[in-house]
Amino acid sequence: MKEIDELIKIVKKLREPNEGCEWDIKQDNTSLLPYLLEETYEVIEAIKKNTDDELKEELGDLLLQIILHSEIASENKKFQIKDVIKHLNDKLIRRHPHVFKNKEKLTELELEEQWKDIKRKEGKKIDINDPFSLLNKSEPIILQALSIGKISKEIKFDWDNYEGPVAKIEEELKEVIAEKKYNNSEKLEEEIGDLIFSVIQLARHLNINPEIALMQSNKKFIKRINLMLKSYINKEDFIKSDNVIKEQKWNKIKKSQ
């Protein structure tokens, strides 16, 4: 595809030691990690907004990160973008024998078992006695907790429905409040962790991605605070304002949205 070829040429030019961009030249795989995460979340946000133009732009930004990482590898004589694509093509065909080879329909359970079998054949380390051996330790901690819950469900250690985690949240909240009386920060941290873990499992039972849900809540909180700030002369006046008045303004904005 000529557009991909043109993109690769542009990135090569940006990375050219003598005539390229200073910022692009000094980047490596590690320094680019924050941007890879940032662009991924911006794609998620564009999908949530359901705006095609924004999604197109953000997917392009994410693609740039993939091309940059591949170009850095190419410069170090490790691999090129074409190797990345070929590896992906081969893997997609290998991991979907029911589509490309056997031509058969499988149930979700059969697909899961097939996936695990293929991963084993690929040499992936799977400890059959440790159901969490495939847990991705590089995932955000919230998503790790979500994955732990899904694996627990697979091994038949899970609540029947959302009412289970709701009761657990109530139990863990009481334990947090009780532990606060003793001012043991280590134990309190443990109880807060248990509470957060339970909330994440509630989200799982309600088919909600907690990472995205929290991202939306962060945005909503910031938006409401900024709306409150508009009713003050400046930030200092806001800080000095009575908390009762702030609460009234907050509730008014909350009701209006």
C-alpha atoms as a PDB file:
ATOM      1  CA  MET A   1       0.000   0.000   0.000  1.00  0.00           C
ATOM      2  CA  LYS A   2       1.588   3.272  -1.155  1.00  0.00           C
ATOM      3  CA  GLU A   3       0.295   5.236   1.844  1.00  0.00           C
ATOM      4  CA  ILE A   4       2.092   2.891   4.258  1.00  0.00           C
ATOM      5  CA  ASP A   5       5.264   3.106   2.192  1.00  0.00           C
ATOM      6  CA  GLU A   6       5.042   6.914   2.269  1.00  0.00           C
ATOM      7  CA  LEU A   7       4.560   6.878   6.066  1.00  0.00           C
ATOM      8  CA  ILE A   8       7.636   4.705   6.526  1.00  0.00           C
ATOM      9  CA  LYS A   9       9.677   7.120   4.360  1.00  0.00           C
ATOM     10  CA  ILE A  10       8.460  10.085   6.436  1.00  0.00           C
ATOM     11  CA  VAL A  11       9.428   8.387   9.715  1.00  0.00           C
ATOM     12  CA  LYS A  12      12.844   7.451   8.300  1.00  0.00           C
ATOM     13  CA  LYS A  13      13.342  11.104   7.333  1.00  0.00           C
ATOM     14  CA  LEU A  14      12.334  12.276  10.810  1.00  0.00           C
ATOM     15  CA  ARG A  15      14.869   9.844  12.326  1.00  0.00           C
ATOM     16  CA  GLU A  16      17.685  10.784   9.887  1.00  0.00           C
ATOM     17  CA  PRO A  17      20.660  11.829  12.098  1.00  0.00           C
ATOM     18  CA  ASN A  18      21.708  14.890  10.094  1.00  0.00           C
ATOM     19  CA  GLU A  19      18.504  16.274   8.590  1.00  0.00           C
ATOM     20  CA  GLY A  20      15.765  14.821  10.794  1.00  0.00           C
ATOM     21  CA  CYS A  21      13.847  16.172  13.790  1.00  0.00           C
ATOM     22  CA  GLU A  22      15.879  16.423  16.991  1.00  0.00           C
ATOM     23  CA  TRP A  23      12.999  15.123  19.104  1.00  0.00           C
ATOM     24  CA  ASP A  24      12.371  12.083  16.902  1.00  0.00           C
ATOM     25  CA  ILE A  25      16.081  11.294  16.605  1.00  0.00           C
ATOM     26  CA  LYS A  26      16.652  11.025  20.353  1.00  0.00           C
ATOM     27  CA  GLN A  27      13.703   8.696  21.016  1.00  0.00           C
ATOM     28  CA  ASP A  28      14.100   4.992  21.783  1.00  0.00           C
ATOM     29  CA  ASN A  29      11.668   2.197  22.592  1.00  0.00           C
ATOM     30  CA  THR A  30      11.655   3.070  26.301  1.00  0.00           C
ATOM     31  CA  SER A  31      11.255   6.833  25.930  1.00  0.00           C
ATOM     32  CA  LEU A  32       8.290   6.294  23.582  1.00  0.00           C
ATOM     33  CA  LEU A  33       6.337   4.151  26.067  1.00  0.00           C
ATOM     34  CA  PRO A  34       4.360   7.050  27.613  1.00  0.00           C
ATOM     35  CA  TYR A  35       3.263   8.168  24.137  1.00  0.00           C
ATOM     36  CA  LEU A  36       2.212   4.649  23.190  1.00  0.00           C
ATOM     37  CA  LEU A  37      -0.046   4.532  26.246  1.00  0.00           C
ATOM     38  CA  GLU A  38      -1.324   8.071  25.678  1.00  0.00           C
ATOM     39  CA  GLU A  39      -2.261   7.406  22.059  1.00  0.00           C
ATOM     40  CA  THR A  40      -3.981   4.136  23.035  1.00  0.00           C
ATOM     41  CA  TYR A  41      -6.177   5.947  25.552  1.00  0.00           C
ATOM     42  CA  GLU A  42      -6.956   8.681  23.028  1.00  0.00           C
ATOM     43  CA  VAL A  43      -8.185   6.000  20.613  1.00  0.00           C
ATOM     44  CA  ILE A  44     -10.424   4.676  23.395  1.00  0.00           C
ATOM     45  CA  GLU A  45     -11.759   8.176  24.032  1.00  0.00           C
ATOM     46  CA  ALA A  46     -12.499   8.707  20.338  1.00  0.00           C
ATOM     47  CA  ILE A  47     -14.395   5.402  20.210  1.00  0.00           C
ATOM     48  CA  LYS A  48     -16.415   6.406  23.272  1.00  0.00           C
ATOM     49  CA  LYS A  49     -17.272   9.735  21.614  1.00  0.00           C
ATOM     50  CA  ASN A  50     -18.319   7.863  18.448  1.00  0.00           C
ATOM     51  CA  THR A  51     -16.706  10.460  16.190  1.00  0.00           C
ATOM     52  CA  ASP A  52     -15.290   9.019  12.956  1.00  0.00           C
ATOM     53  CA  ASP A  53     -12.946  11.912  12.146  1.00  0.00           C
ATOM     54  CA  GLU A  54     -11.408  11.883  15.615  1.00  0.00           C
ATOM     55  CA  LEU A  55     -11.062   8.097  15.583  1.00  0.00           C
ATOM     56  CA  LYS A  56      -9.350   8.257  12.185  1.00  0.00           C
ATOM     57  CA  GLU A  57      -6.867  10.812  13.531  1.00  0.00           C
ATOM     58  CA  GLU A  58      -6.155   8.945  16.768  1.00  0.00           C
ATOM     59  CA  LEU A  59      -5.691   5.607  14.996  1.00  0.00           C
ATOM     60  CA  GLY A  60      -3.139   7.369  12.803  1.00  0.00           C
ATOM     61  CA  ASP A  61      -1.293   8.637  15.884  1.00  0.00           C
ATOM     62  CA  LEU A  62      -1.252   5.121  17.312  1.00  0.00           C
ATOM     63  CA  LEU A  63      -0.004   3.717  14.001  1.00  0.00           C
ATOM     64  CA  LEU A  64       2.821   6.267  14.088  1.00  0.00           C
ATOM     65  CA  GLN A  65       3.987   4.800  17.397  1.00  0.00           C
ATOM     66  CA  ILE A  66       4.094   1.312  15.867  1.00  0.00           C
ATOM     67  CA  ILE A  67       6.064   2.584  12.867  1.00  0.00           C
ATOM     68  CA  LEU A  68       8.471   4.486  15.124  1.00  0.00           C
ATOM     69  CA  HIS A  69       9.166   1.418  17.278  1.00  0.00           C
ATOM     70  CA  SER A  70       9.707  -0.671  14.150  1.00  0.00           C
ATOM     71  CA  GLU A  71      12.027   1.923  12.597  1.00  0.00           C
ATOM     72  CA  ILE A  72      14.152   2.016  15.762  1.00  0.00           C
ATOM     73  CA  ALA A  73      14.439  -1.788  15.580  1.00  0.00           C
ATOM     74  CA  SER A  74      15.365  -1.540  11.893  1.00  0.00           C
ATOM     75  CA  GLU A  75      18.124   0.975  12.635  1.00  0.00           C
ATOM     76  CA  ASN A  76      19.523  -1.470  15.186  1.00  0.00           C
ATOM     77  CA  LYS A  77      19.458  -4.285  12.591  1.00  0.00           C
ATOM     78  CA  LYS A  78      16.856  -6.261  14.560  1.00  0.00           C
ATOM     79  CA  PHE A  79      13.714  -6.312  12.392  1.00  0.00           C
ATOM     80  CA  GLN A  80      11.643  -4.131  10.048  1.00  0.00           C
ATOM     81  CA  ILE A  81       7.957  -3.192   9.895  1.00  0.00           C
ATOM     82  CA  LYS A  82       7.428  -5.819   7.180  1.00  0.00           C
ATOM     83  CA  ASP A  83       8.639  -8.467   9.651  1.00  0.00           C
ATOM     84  CA  VAL A  84       6.119  -7.201  12.211  1.00  0.00           C
ATOM     85  CA  ILE A  85       3.309  -7.483   9.660  1.00  0.00           C
ATOM     86  CA  LYS A  86       4.416 -10.911   8.422  1.00  0.00           C
ATOM     87  CA  HIS A  87       4.632 -12.209  11.998  1.00  0.00           C
ATOM     88  CA  LEU A  88       1.136 -10.899  12.676  1.00  0.00           C
ATOM     89  CA  ASN A  89      -0.266 -12.436   9.475  1.00  0.00           C
ATOM     90  CA  ASP A  90       1.221 -15.832  10.326  1.00  0.00           C
ATOM     91  CA  LYS A  91      -0.047 -15.665  13.907  1.00  0.00           C
ATOM     92  CA  LEU A  92      -3.592 -14.703  12.892  1.00  0.00           C
ATOM     93  CA  ILE A  93      -3.784 -17.655  10.493  1.00  0.00           C
ATOM     94  CA  ARG A  94      -2.173 -20.034  12.996  1.00  0.00           C
ATOM     95  CA  ARG A  95      -4.486 -18.984  15.831  1.00  0.00           C
ATOM     96  CA  HIS A  96      -7.643 -19.264  13.717  1.00  0.00           C
ATOM     97  CA  PRO A  97      -7.499 -22.790  12.229  1.00  0.00           C
ATOM     98  CA  HIS A  98     -11.307 -22.954  12.412  1.00  0.00           C
ATOM     99  CA  VAL A  99     -11.412 -20.118   9.853  1.00  0.00           C
ATOM    100  CA  PHE A 100      -8.398 -20.745   7.604  1.00  0.00           C
ATOM    101  CA  LYS A 101      -7.976 -24.528   7.848  1.00  0.00           C
ATOM    102  CA  ASN A 102     -10.793 -26.589   9.326  1.00  0.00           C
ATOM    103  CA  LYS A 103     -13.652 -24.310   8.236  1.00  0.00           C
ATOM    104  CA  GLU A 104     -15.812 -25.046  11.272  1.00  0.00           C
ATOM    105  CA  LYS A 105     -17.876 -23.107  13.790  1.00  0.00           C
ATOM    106  CA  LEU A 106     -16.765 -23.353  17.411  1.00  0.00           C
ATOM    107  CA  THR A 107     -18.476 -22.436  20.655  1.00  0.00           C
ATOM    108  CA  GLU A 108     -16.906 -19.847  22.976  1.00  0.00           C
ATOM    109  CA  LEU A 109     -15.661 -22.633  25.243  1.00  0.00           C
ATOM    110  CA  GLU A 110     -14.136 -24.523  22.298  1.00  0.00           C
ATOM    111  CA  LEU A 111     -12.466 -21.325  21.079  1.00  0.00           C
ATOM    112  CA  GLU A 112     -10.978 -20.747  24.544  1.00  0.00           C
ATOM    113  CA  GLU A 113      -9.605 -24.296  24.728  1.00  0.00           C
ATOM    114  CA  GLN A 114      -8.235 -24.041  21.176  1.00  0.00           C
ATOM    115  CA  TRP A 115      -6.521 -20.736  22.049  1.00  0.00           C
ATOM    116  CA  LYS A 116      -4.837 -22.251  25.111  1.00  0.00           C
ATOM    117  CA  ASP A 117      -3.697 -25.289  23.114  1.00  0.00           C
ATOM    118  CA  ILE A 118      -2.228 -23.070  20.380  1.00  0.00           C
ATOM    119  CA  LYS A 119      -0.429 -20.914  22.959  1.00  0.00           C
ATOM    120  CA  ARG A 120       1.135 -24.063  24.432  1.00  0.00           C
ATOM    121  CA  LYS A 121       2.265 -25.222  20.989  1.00  0.00           C
ATOM    122  CA  GLU A 122       3.797 -21.791  20.380  1.00  0.00           C
ATOM    123  CA  GLY A 123       5.993 -22.350  23.410  1.00  0.00           C
ATOM    124  CA  LYS A 124       4.201 -19.925  25.698  1.00  0.00           C
ATOM    125  CA  LYS A 125       4.930 -20.764  29.321  1.00  0.00           C
ATOM    126  CA  ILE A 126       1.703 -22.060  30.788  1.00  0.00           C
ATOM    127  CA  ASP A 127       1.832 -23.614  34.231  1.00  0.00           C
ATOM    128  CA  ILE A 128      -1.192 -25.921  34.256  1.00  0.00           C
ATOM    129  CA  ASN A 129      -1.187 -25.782  38.062  1.00  0.00           C
ATOM    130  CA  ASP A 130      -1.097 -21.963  38.107  1.00  0.00           C
ATOM    131  CA  PRO A 131      -4.128 -20.503  36.309  1.00  0.00           C
ATOM    132  CA  PHE A 132      -2.592 -17.006  36.628  1.00  0.00           C
ATOM    133  CA  SER A 133       0.656 -17.865  34.817  1.00  0.00           C
ATOM    134  CA  LEU A 134      -0.457 -15.982  31.679  1.00  0.00           C
ATOM    135  CA  LEU A 135      -1.351 -12.811  33.581  1.00  0.00           C
ATOM    136  CA  ASN A 136       0.119  -9.781  31.817  1.00  0.00           C
ATOM    137  CA  LYS A 137       2.224  -8.032  34.474  1.00  0.00           C
ATOM    138  CA  SER A 138       2.628  -4.977  32.210  1.00  0.00           C
ATOM    139  CA  GLU A 139      -1.107  -4.239  32.188  1.00  0.00           C
ATOM    140  CA  PRO A 140      -2.412  -1.343  34.299  1.00  0.00           C
ATOM    141  CA  ILE A 141      -3.115  -2.691  37.768  1.00  0.00           C
ATOM    142  CA  ILE A 142      -6.874  -2.198  37.366  1.00  0.00           C
ATOM    143  CA  LEU A 143      -6.884  -4.387  34.247  1.00  0.00           C
ATOM    144  CA  GLN A 144      -4.755  -6.983  36.027  1.00  0.00           C
ATOM    145  CA  ALA A 145      -7.406  -7.181  38.754  1.00  0.00           C
ATOM    146  CA  LEU A 146     -10.044  -7.551  36.032  1.00  0.00           C
ATOM    147  CA  SER A 147      -8.079 -10.406  34.431  1.00  0.00           C
ATOM    148  CA  ILE A 148      -7.659 -12.100  37.814  1.00  0.00           C
ATOM    149  CA  GLY A 149     -11.438 -12.044  38.233  1.00  0.00           C
ATOM    150  CA  LYS A 150     -11.972 -13.545  34.767  1.00  0.00           C
ATOM    151  CA  ILE A 151      -9.496 -16.328  35.471  1.00  0.00           C
ATOM    152  CA  SER A 152     -11.163 -17.006  38.818  1.00  0.00           C
ATOM    153  CA  LYS A 153     -14.452 -17.385  36.975  1.00  0.00           C
ATOM    154  CA  GLU A 154     -12.845 -19.955  34.640  1.00  0.00           C
ATOM    155  CA  ILE A 155     -11.758 -22.098  37.589  1.00  0.00           C
ATOM    156  CA  LYS A 156     -15.247 -21.861  39.123  1.00  0.00           C
ATOM    157  CA  PHE A 157     -14.359 -19.513  41.986  1.00  0.00           C
ATOM    158  CA  ASP A 158     -16.687 -16.588  41.444  1.00  0.00           C
ATOM    159  CA  TRP A 159     -19.999 -15.111  42.535  1.00  0.00           C
ATOM    160  CA  ASP A 160     -23.133 -16.176  40.678  1.00  0.00           C
ATOM    161  CA  ASN A 161     -24.120 -12.585  39.883  1.00  0.00           C
ATOM    162  CA  TYR A 162     -23.402  -8.934  40.724  1.00  0.00           C
ATOM    163  CA  GLU A 163     -25.034  -9.235  44.163  1.00  0.00           C
ATOM    164  CA  GLY A 164     -21.972 -11.164  45.392  1.00  0.00           C
ATOM    165  CA  PRO A 165     -19.459  -8.356  44.822  1.00  0.00           C
ATOM    166  CA  VAL A 166     -21.986  -5.795  46.111  1.00  0.00           C
ATOM    167  CA  ALA A 167     -22.101  -7.650  49.441  1.00  0.00           C
ATOM    168  CA  LYS A 168     -18.320  -7.969  49.403  1.00  0.00           C
ATOM    169  CA  ILE A 169     -17.931  -4.212  48.840  1.00  0.00           C
ATOM    170  CA  GLU A 170     -20.151  -3.534  51.855  1.00  0.00           C
ATOM    171  CA  GLU A 171     -18.060  -5.977  53.936  1.00  0.00           C
ATOM    172  CA  GLU A 172     -14.730  -4.490  52.799  1.00  0.00           C
ATOM    173  CA  LEU A 173     -15.927  -0.920  53.408  1.00  0.00           C
ATOM    174  CA  LYS A 174     -16.808  -1.808  56.994  1.00  0.00           C
ATOM    175  CA  GLU A 175     -13.334  -3.309  57.420  1.00  0.00           C
ATOM    176  CA  VAL A 176     -11.720  -0.123  56.115  1.00  0.00           C
ATOM    177  CA  ILE A 177     -13.720   1.991  58.574  1.00  0.00           C
ATOM    178  CA  ALA A 178     -12.924  -0.394  61.451  1.00  0.00           C
ATOM    179  CA  GLU A 179      -9.202  -0.439  60.603  1.00  0.00           C
ATOM    180  CA  LYS A 180      -9.041   3.361  60.469  1.00  0.00           C
ATOM    181  CA  LYS A 181      -9.524   3.458  64.261  1.00  0.00           C
ATOM    182  CA  TYR A 182      -6.149   1.756  64.813  1.00  0.00           C
ATOM    183  CA  ASN A 183      -4.128   4.036  62.501  1.00  0.00           C
ATOM    184  CA  ASN A 184      -2.138   1.097  61.122  1.00  0.00           C
ATOM    185  CA  SER A 185      -1.295   2.430  57.652  1.00  0.00           C
ATOM    186  CA  GLU A 186      -0.048  -0.933  56.369  1.00  0.00           C
ATOM    187  CA  LYS A 187      -3.230  -2.753  57.377  1.00  0.00           C
ATOM    188  CA  LEU A 188      -5.405   0.116  56.159  1.00  0.00           C
ATOM    189  CA  GLU A 189      -3.659  -0.011  52.778  1.00  0.00           C
ATOM    190  CA  GLU A 190      -4.455  -3.730  52.600  1.00  0.00           C
ATOM    191  CA  GLU A 191      -8.136  -3.139  53.339  1.00  0.00           C
ATOM    192  CA  ILE A 192      -8.377  -0.306  50.787  1.00  0.00           C
ATOM    193  CA  GLY A 193      -6.830  -2.668  48.224  1.00  0.00           C
ATOM    194  CA  ASP A 194      -9.455  -5.309  49.026  1.00  0.00           C
ATOM    195  CA  LEU A 195     -12.204  -2.714  48.613  1.00  0.00           C
ATOM    196  CA  ILE A 196     -10.910  -1.540  45.230  1.00  0.00           C
ATOM    197  CA  PHE A 197     -10.484  -5.145  44.053  1.00  0.00           C
ATOM    198  CA  SER A 198     -14.119  -5.867  44.982  1.00  0.00           C
ATOM    199  CA  VAL A 199     -15.349  -2.788  43.081  1.00  0.00           C
ATOM    200  CA  ILE A 200     -13.453  -3.975  39.999  1.00  0.00           C
ATOM    201  CA  GLN A 201     -15.118  -7.395  40.272  1.00  0.00           C
ATOM    202  CA  LEU A 202     -18.518  -5.696  40.491  1.00  0.00           C
ATOM    203  CA  ALA A 203     -17.684  -3.877  37.247  1.00  0.00           C
ATOM    204  CA  ARG A 204     -16.765  -7.211  35.659  1.00  0.00           C
ATOM    205  CA  HIS A 205     -20.093  -8.766  36.660  1.00  0.00           C
ATOM    206  CA  LEU A 206     -21.882  -5.771  35.129  1.00  0.00           C
ATOM    207  CA  ASN A 207     -19.807  -6.056  31.907  1.00  0.00           C
ATOM    208  CA  ILE A 208     -18.176  -2.677  32.532  1.00  0.00           C
ATOM    209  CA  ASN A 209     -14.484  -2.044  31.875  1.00  0.00           C
ATOM    210  CA  PRO A 210     -13.340  -0.352  35.120  1.00  0.00           C
ATOM    211  CA  GLU A 211     -10.352   1.320  33.456  1.00  0.00           C
ATOM    212  CA  ILE A 212     -12.586   3.110  30.956  1.00  0.00           C
ATOM    213  CA  ALA A 213     -15.231   3.810  33.602  1.00  0.00           C
ATOM    214  CA  LEU A 214     -12.641   5.479  35.843  1.00  0.00           C
ATOM    215  CA  MET A 215     -11.248   7.439  32.907  1.00  0.00           C
ATOM    216  CA  GLN A 216     -14.744   8.814  32.252  1.00  0.00           C
ATOM    217  CA  SER A 217     -15.217   9.675  35.932  1.00  0.00           C
ATOM    218  CA  ASN A 218     -11.899  11.544  35.994  1.00  0.00           C
ATOM    219  CA  LYS A 219     -12.989  13.618  33.002  1.00  0.00           C
ATOM    220  CA  LYS A 220     -16.389  14.303  34.540  1.00  0.00           C
ATOM    221  CA  PHE A 221     -14.883  15.419  37.851  1.00  0.00           C
ATOM    222  CA  ILE A 222     -12.442  17.790  36.116  1.00  0.00           C
ATOM    223  CA  LYS A 223     -15.224  19.234  33.968  1.00  0.00           C
ATOM    224  CA  ARG A 224     -17.445  19.920  36.999  1.00  0.00           C
ATOM    225  CA  ILE A 225     -14.627  21.541  38.977  1.00  0.00           C
ATOM    226  CA  ASN A 226     -13.801  23.795  36.017  1.00  0.00           C
ATOM    227  CA  LEU A 227     -17.458  24.780  35.723  1.00  0.00           C
ATOM    228  CA  MET A 228     -17.472  25.665  39.419  1.00  0.00           C
ATOM    229  CA  LEU A 229     -14.333  27.760  38.992  1.00  0.00           C
ATOM    230  CA  LYS A 230     -16.081  29.903  36.368  1.00  0.00           C
ATOM    231  CA  SER A 231     -18.355  31.322  39.060  1.00  0.00           C
ATOM    232  CA  TYR A 232     -15.347  32.722  40.948  1.00  0.00           C
ATOM    233  CA  ILE A 233     -12.990  35.565  40.048  1.00  0.00           C
ATOM    234  CA  ASN A 234      -9.983  33.287  40.234  1.00  0.00           C
ATOM    235  CA  LYS A 235      -8.702  30.027  41.733  1.00  0.00           C
ATOM    236  CA  GLU A 236      -7.679  31.716  44.995  1.00  0.00           C
ATOM    237  CA  ASP A 237     -11.266  32.890  45.586  1.00  0.00           C
ATOM    238  CA  PHE A 238     -12.454  29.351  44.982  1.00  0.00           C
ATOM    239  CA  ILE A 239      -9.978  27.987  47.541  1.00  0.00           C
ATOM    240  CA  LYS A 240     -11.070  30.527  50.158  1.00  0.00           C
ATOM    241  CA  SER A 241     -14.775  29.961  49.508  1.00  0.00           C
ATOM    242  CA  ASP A 242     -16.912  28.232  52.143  1.00  0.00           C
ATOM    243  CA  ASN A 243     -17.183  24.447  51.650  1.00  0.00           C
ATOM    244  CA  VAL A 244     -20.963  24.580  52.074  1.00  0.00           C
ATOM    245  CA  ILE A 245     -21.209  26.971  49.128  1.00  0.00           C
ATOM    246  CA  LYS A 246     -18.881  24.783  47.074  1.00  0.00           C
ATOM    247  CA  GLU A 247     -21.068  21.759  47.800  1.00  0.00           C
ATOM    248  CA  GLN A 248     -24.171  23.683  46.714  1.00  0.00           C
ATOM    249  CA  LYS A 249     -22.531  24.718  43.450  1.00  0.00           C
ATOM    250  CA  TRP A 250     -21.325  21.145  42.881  1.00  0.00           C
ATOM    251  CA  ASN A 251     -24.829  19.724  43.353  1.00  0.00           C
ATOM    252  CA  LYS A 252     -26.316  22.346  41.036  1.00  0.00           C
ATOM    253  CA  ILE A 253     -23.847  21.483  38.274  1.00  0.00           C
ATOM    254  CA  LYS A 254     -24.382  17.761  38.871  1.00  0.00           C
ATOM    255  CA  LYS A 255     -28.151  18.135  38.448  1.00  0.00           C
ATOM    256  CA  SER A 256     -27.721  20.165  35.263  1.00  0.00           C
ATOM    257  CA  GLN A 257     -25.701  17.457  33.511  1.00  0.00           C
END
